Amino acid sequence: MHVLFHVYNQHGILVFTTWSEPTVYETGRYLSVCQIPEHLLNDGTYFLNLFFIRDASVDVFVVENVLSFEVVDDAPRNVAWMGKEPGVIRPQFSWTTRRL
């Protein structure tokens, strides 16, 4: 078994998928945790579809729109652009500049 998420934005665009490692589990209760990195998603509303998969390919249980959440950019900016950044995701990369 493994757990799979499809993450969609408010426009119905599939932003990304993520899944746990397929594993054989004994009967019982389990907790799976997936952490979305800070600053990955752009402003907007997101929806998750949840899948439980057996044998790496068989949908055992599917729930569409099991969870929704909103990302709001409230960080101060030091550039002229103050609107929403274009694109589905908005990662923040580390930059360095040096004289050659």
N, C-alpha and C. Protein backbone atom coordinates (compact mmCIF):
# COMPACT_ATOMS: atom_id res chain seq x y z
N MET A 1 0.85 -1.19 0.00
CA MET A 1 0.00 0.00 0.00
C MET A 1 0.89 1.25 0.00
N HIS A 2 0.34 2.30 -0.55
CA HIS A 2 0.94 3.61 -0.37
C HIS A 2 -0.13 4.69 -0.54
N VAL A 3 0.19 5.87 -0.04
CA VAL A 3 -0.71 7.02 -0.08
C VAL A 3 -0.21 7.96 -1.17
N LEU A 4 -1.15 8.56 -1.90
CA LEU A 4 -0.82 9.46 -3.00
C LEU A 4 -1.72 10.68 -2.92
N PHE A 5 -1.15 11.86 -3.14
CA PHE A 5 -1.91 13.10 -3.23
C PHE A 5 -1.74 13.72 -4.60
N HIS A 6 -2.83 14.25 -5.16
CA HIS A 6 -2.77 15.15 -6.29
C HIS A 6 -3.14 16.52 -5.74
N VAL A 7 -2.34 17.52 -6.00
CA VAL A 7 -2.60 18.88 -5.52
C VAL A 7 -2.94 19.75 -6.73
N TYR A 8 -4.16 20.31 -6.70
CA TYR A 8 -4.66 21.17 -7.78
C TYR A 8 -4.79 22.60 -7.28
N ASN A 9 -4.66 23.57 -8.20
CA ASN A 9 -4.93 24.95 -7.81
C ASN A 9 -6.38 25.31 -8.12
N GLN A 10 -6.76 26.56 -7.86
CA GLN A 10 -8.14 27.00 -8.00
C GLN A 10 -8.61 26.99 -9.46
N HIS A 11 -7.67 26.85 -10.40
CA HIS A 11 -8.04 26.79 -11.82
C HIS A 11 -8.15 25.35 -12.32
N GLY A 12 -8.01 24.38 -11.41
CA GLY A 12 -8.10 22.99 -11.79
C GLY A 12 -6.83 22.42 -12.40
N ILE A 13 -5.74 23.17 -12.30
CA ILE A 13 -4.45 22.73 -12.84
C ILE A 13 -3.76 21.85 -11.82
N LEU A 14 -3.31 20.68 -12.25
CA LEU A 14 -2.55 19.79 -11.37
C LEU A 14 -1.18 20.41 -11.14
N VAL A 15 -0.91 20.81 -9.90
CA VAL A 15 0.34 21.48 -9.56
C VAL A 15 1.45 20.46 -9.33
N PHE A 16 1.15 19.42 -8.55
CA PHE A 16 2.12 18.35 -8.35
C PHE A 16 1.43 17.14 -7.74
N THR A 17 2.13 16.02 -7.78
CA THR A 17 1.70 14.82 -7.08
C THR A 17 2.83 14.41 -6.14
N THR A 18 2.47 13.72 -5.09
CA THR A 18 3.46 13.19 -4.16
C THR A 18 2.91 11.91 -3.56
N TRP A 19 3.80 11.02 -3.18
CA TRP A 19 3.35 9.73 -2.65
C TRP A 19 4.34 9.17 -1.67
N SER A 20 3.82 8.32 -0.81
CA SER A 20 4.67 7.62 0.16
C SER A 20 5.28 6.40 -0.53
N GLU A 21 6.28 5.85 0.09
CA GLU A 21 6.95 4.66 -0.44
C GLU A 21 6.02 3.46 -0.30
N PRO A 22 5.79 2.69 -1.37
CA PRO A 22 4.96 1.48 -1.23
C PRO A 22 5.58 0.52 -0.22
N THR A 23 4.76 0.04 0.72
CA THR A 23 5.22 -0.81 1.81
C THR A 23 4.14 -1.83 2.14
N VAL A 24 4.56 -2.98 2.61
CA VAL A 24 3.61 -3.98 3.10
C VAL A 24 3.36 -3.67 4.57
N TYR A 25 2.10 -3.45 4.94
CA TYR A 25 1.73 -3.12 6.31
C TYR A 25 0.91 -4.24 6.93
N GLU A 26 1.11 -4.44 8.21
CA GLU A 26 0.22 -5.33 8.96
C GLU A 26 -1.04 -4.55 9.29
N THR A 27 -2.11 -5.24 9.60
CA THR A 27 -3.36 -4.60 9.96
C THR A 27 -3.13 -3.69 11.16
N GLY A 28 -3.67 -2.47 11.10
CA GLY A 28 -3.52 -1.52 12.20
C GLY A 28 -3.77 -0.11 11.71
N ARG A 29 -3.51 0.85 12.58
CA ARG A 29 -3.67 2.27 12.27
C ARG A 29 -2.30 2.85 12.02
N TYR A 30 -2.21 3.70 11.00
CA TYR A 30 -0.95 4.31 10.62
C TYR A 30 -1.14 5.79 10.37
N LEU A 31 -0.08 6.55 10.52
CA LEU A 31 -0.08 7.97 10.22
C LEU A 31 1.01 8.23 9.18
N SER A 32 0.62 8.81 8.06
CA SER A 32 1.58 9.23 7.03
C SER A 32 1.60 10.74 7.00
N VAL A 33 2.78 11.34 6.94
CA VAL A 33 2.94 12.79 6.95
C VAL A 33 3.75 13.20 5.73
N CYS A 34 3.26 14.23 5.05
CA CYS A 34 3.98 14.82 3.93
C CYS A 34 4.09 16.32 4.21
N GLN A 35 5.29 16.85 4.18
CA GLN A 35 5.48 18.27 4.45
C GLN A 35 5.80 18.99 3.15
N ILE A 36 4.97 19.96 2.80
CA ILE A 36 5.21 20.79 1.61
C ILE A 36 6.22 21.86 2.01
N PRO A 37 7.31 21.99 1.26
CA PRO A 37 8.33 22.98 1.63
C PRO A 37 7.79 24.40 1.66
N GLU A 38 8.26 25.16 2.60
CA GLU A 38 7.90 26.57 2.71
C GLU A 38 8.28 27.30 1.43
N HIS A 39 7.46 28.23 1.01
CA HIS A 39 7.67 29.09 -0.16
C HIS A 39 7.58 28.36 -1.49
N LEU A 40 7.05 27.14 -1.52
CA LEU A 40 6.92 26.43 -2.79
C LEU A 40 5.72 26.91 -3.59
N LEU A 41 4.59 27.08 -2.91
CA LEU A 41 3.34 27.39 -3.61
C LEU A 41 3.10 28.89 -3.73
N ASN A 42 2.52 29.28 -4.83
CA ASN A 42 2.16 30.67 -5.07
C ASN A 42 0.85 30.98 -4.33
N ASP A 43 0.50 32.26 -4.26
CA ASP A 43 -0.78 32.65 -3.68
C ASP A 43 -1.91 31.91 -4.37
N GLY A 44 -2.93 31.57 -3.61
CA GLY A 44 -4.11 30.96 -4.20
C GLY A 44 -4.68 29.86 -3.35
N THR A 45 -5.74 29.26 -3.85
CA THR A 45 -6.42 28.17 -3.17
C THR A 45 -6.01 26.85 -3.81
N TYR A 46 -5.83 25.84 -2.98
CA TYR A 46 -5.38 24.53 -3.44
C TYR A 46 -6.32 23.45 -2.90
N PHE A 47 -6.43 22.38 -3.67
CA PHE A 47 -7.30 21.25 -3.33
C PHE A 47 -6.50 19.96 -3.44
N LEU A 48 -6.73 19.04 -2.51
CA LEU A 48 -6.02 17.76 -2.53
C LEU A 48 -6.98 16.62 -2.82
N ASN A 49 -6.57 15.75 -3.73
CA ASN A 49 -7.25 14.48 -3.95
C ASN A 49 -6.40 13.41 -3.29
N LEU A 50 -7.02 12.53 -2.53
CA LEU A 50 -6.32 11.51 -1.76
C LEU A 50 -6.57 10.14 -2.38
N PHE A 51 -5.51 9.36 -2.51
CA PHE A 51 -5.61 8.01 -3.06
C PHE A 51 -4.89 7.04 -2.12
N PHE A 52 -5.47 5.88 -1.90
CA PHE A 52 -4.78 4.76 -1.29
C PHE A 52 -4.58 3.74 -2.41
N ILE A 53 -3.35 3.35 -2.63
CA ILE A 53 -3.00 2.51 -3.77
C ILE A 53 -2.47 1.16 -3.28
N ARG A 54 -2.97 0.09 -3.90
CA ARG A 54 -2.49 -1.26 -3.58
C ARG A 54 -1.71 -1.79 -4.78
N ASP A 55 -0.68 -2.56 -4.51
CA ASP A 55 0.14 -3.20 -5.56
C ASP A 55 0.68 -2.18 -6.56
N ALA A 56 0.97 -0.97 -6.09
CA ALA A 56 1.58 0.11 -6.86
C ALA A 56 0.74 0.61 -8.03
N SER A 57 -0.50 0.10 -8.20
CA SER A 57 -1.27 0.56 -9.36
C SER A 57 -2.79 0.49 -9.21
N VAL A 58 -3.31 -0.09 -8.13
CA VAL A 58 -4.75 -0.28 -7.99
C VAL A 58 -5.31 0.72 -6.98
N ASP A 59 -6.22 1.59 -7.44
CA ASP A 59 -6.88 2.54 -6.53
C ASP A 59 -7.82 1.76 -5.60
N VAL A 60 -7.52 1.78 -4.30
CA VAL A 60 -8.38 1.10 -3.32
C VAL A 60 -9.40 2.08 -2.75
N PHE A 61 -8.97 3.32 -2.57
CA PHE A 61 -9.82 4.33 -1.95
C PHE A 61 -9.42 5.68 -2.51
N VAL A 62 -10.39 6.47 -2.98
CA VAL A 62 -10.12 7.78 -3.56
C VAL A 62 -11.10 8.78 -2.98
N VAL A 63 -10.60 9.93 -2.54
CA VAL A 63 -11.45 11.03 -2.09
C VAL A 63 -10.99 12.29 -2.80
N GLU A 64 -11.87 12.85 -3.62
CA GLU A 64 -11.55 14.10 -4.31
C GLU A 64 -11.86 15.27 -3.40
N ASN A 65 -11.03 16.29 -3.49
CA ASN A 65 -11.19 17.51 -2.68
C ASN A 65 -11.31 17.19 -1.20
N VAL A 66 -10.48 16.27 -0.74
CA VAL A 66 -10.49 15.88 0.67
C VAL A 66 -10.06 17.04 1.57
N LEU A 67 -9.29 17.97 1.01
CA LEU A 67 -8.76 19.09 1.79
C LEU A 67 -8.55 20.27 0.87
N SER A 68 -8.84 21.45 1.37
CA SER A 68 -8.49 22.67 0.63
C SER A 68 -7.79 23.62 1.59
N PHE A 69 -6.93 24.44 1.02
CA PHE A 69 -6.23 25.45 1.83
C PHE A 69 -5.85 26.62 0.95
N GLU A 70 -5.58 27.75 1.58
CA GLU A 70 -5.21 28.96 0.84
C GLU A 70 -3.82 29.41 1.26
N VAL A 71 -3.04 29.82 0.28
CA VAL A 71 -1.71 30.37 0.51
C VAL A 71 -1.82 31.87 0.28
N VAL A 72 -1.36 32.65 1.24
CA VAL A 72 -1.40 34.11 1.16
C VAL A 72 0.01 34.64 1.34
N ASP A 73 0.47 35.43 0.39
CA ASP A 73 1.80 36.04 0.48
C ASP A 73 1.68 37.36 1.22
N ASP A 74 2.21 37.38 2.43
CA ASP A 74 2.16 38.62 3.21
C ASP A 74 3.56 39.10 3.57
N ALA A 75 4.56 38.55 2.89
CA ALA A 75 5.95 38.95 3.18
C ALA A 75 6.24 40.31 2.56
N PRO A 76 6.99 41.14 3.27
CA PRO A 76 7.38 42.44 2.68
C PRO A 76 8.31 42.21 1.49
N ARG A 77 8.22 43.09 0.53
CA ARG A 77 9.06 42.97 -0.67
C ARG A 77 9.97 44.17 -0.81
N ASN A 78 11.15 43.92 -1.36
CA ASN A 78 12.10 45.01 -1.57
C ASN A 78 12.30 45.28 -3.06
N VAL A 79 11.31 44.89 -3.88
CA VAL A 79 11.33 45.17 -5.31
C VAL A 79 10.06 45.93 -5.67
N ALA A 80 10.02 46.47 -6.89
CA ALA A 80 8.89 47.32 -7.28
C ALA A 80 7.60 46.53 -7.48
N TRP A 81 7.68 45.27 -7.89
CA TRP A 81 6.47 44.48 -8.16
C TRP A 81 5.82 44.06 -6.86
N MET A 82 4.55 44.40 -6.67
CA MET A 82 3.84 44.06 -5.44
C MET A 82 2.67 43.12 -5.69
N GLY A 83 2.42 42.76 -6.94
CA GLY A 83 1.29 41.89 -7.25
C GLY A 83 1.64 40.42 -7.08
N LYS A 84 0.69 39.57 -7.47
CA LYS A 84 0.92 38.13 -7.40
C LYS A 84 1.99 37.75 -8.42
N GLU A 85 2.91 36.91 -8.01
CA GLU A 85 3.94 36.43 -8.92
C GLU A 85 3.31 35.49 -9.93
N PRO A 86 3.75 35.53 -11.18
CA PRO A 86 3.19 34.61 -12.17
C PRO A 86 3.67 33.18 -11.92
N GLY A 87 2.89 32.22 -12.38
CA GLY A 87 3.29 30.82 -12.27
C GLY A 87 2.49 30.07 -11.21
N VAL A 88 2.50 28.75 -11.34
CA VAL A 88 1.77 27.90 -10.40
C VAL A 88 2.50 27.78 -9.08
N ILE A 89 3.81 27.58 -9.15
CA ILE A 89 4.59 27.49 -7.92
C ILE A 89 5.49 28.71 -7.81
N ARG A 90 5.97 28.97 -6.61
CA ARG A 90 6.79 30.15 -6.38
C ARG A 90 7.91 29.81 -5.40
N PRO A 91 8.84 28.97 -5.83
CA PRO A 91 9.93 28.61 -4.92
C PRO A 91 10.84 29.81 -4.68
N GLN A 92 11.45 29.85 -3.53
CA GLN A 92 12.45 30.86 -3.24
C GLN A 92 13.81 30.18 -3.24
N PHE A 93 14.62 30.55 -4.20
CA PHE A 93 15.95 29.97 -4.33
C PHE A 93 16.98 30.88 -3.70
N SER A 94 18.05 30.31 -3.28
CA SER A 94 19.17 31.06 -2.72
C SER A 94 19.99 31.63 -3.87
N TRP A 95 20.28 32.91 -3.82
CA TRP A 95 21.07 33.56 -4.85
C TRP A 95 22.32 34.17 -4.22
N THR A 96 23.40 34.09 -4.93
CA THR A 96 24.60 34.83 -4.57
C THR A 96 25.15 35.48 -5.83
N THR A 97 25.73 36.63 -5.67
CA THR A 97 26.35 37.35 -6.78
C THR A 97 27.74 37.75 -6.34
N ARG A 98 28.69 37.48 -7.21
CA ARG A 98 30.08 37.84 -6.88
C ARG A 98 30.73 38.47 -8.08
N ARG A 99 31.70 39.27 -7.81
CA ARG A 99 32.46 39.94 -8.87
C ARG A 99 33.42 38.95 -9.50
N LEU A 100 33.51 39.00 -10.80
CA LEU A 100 34.44 38.10 -11.51
C LEU A 100 35.74 38.79 -11.81
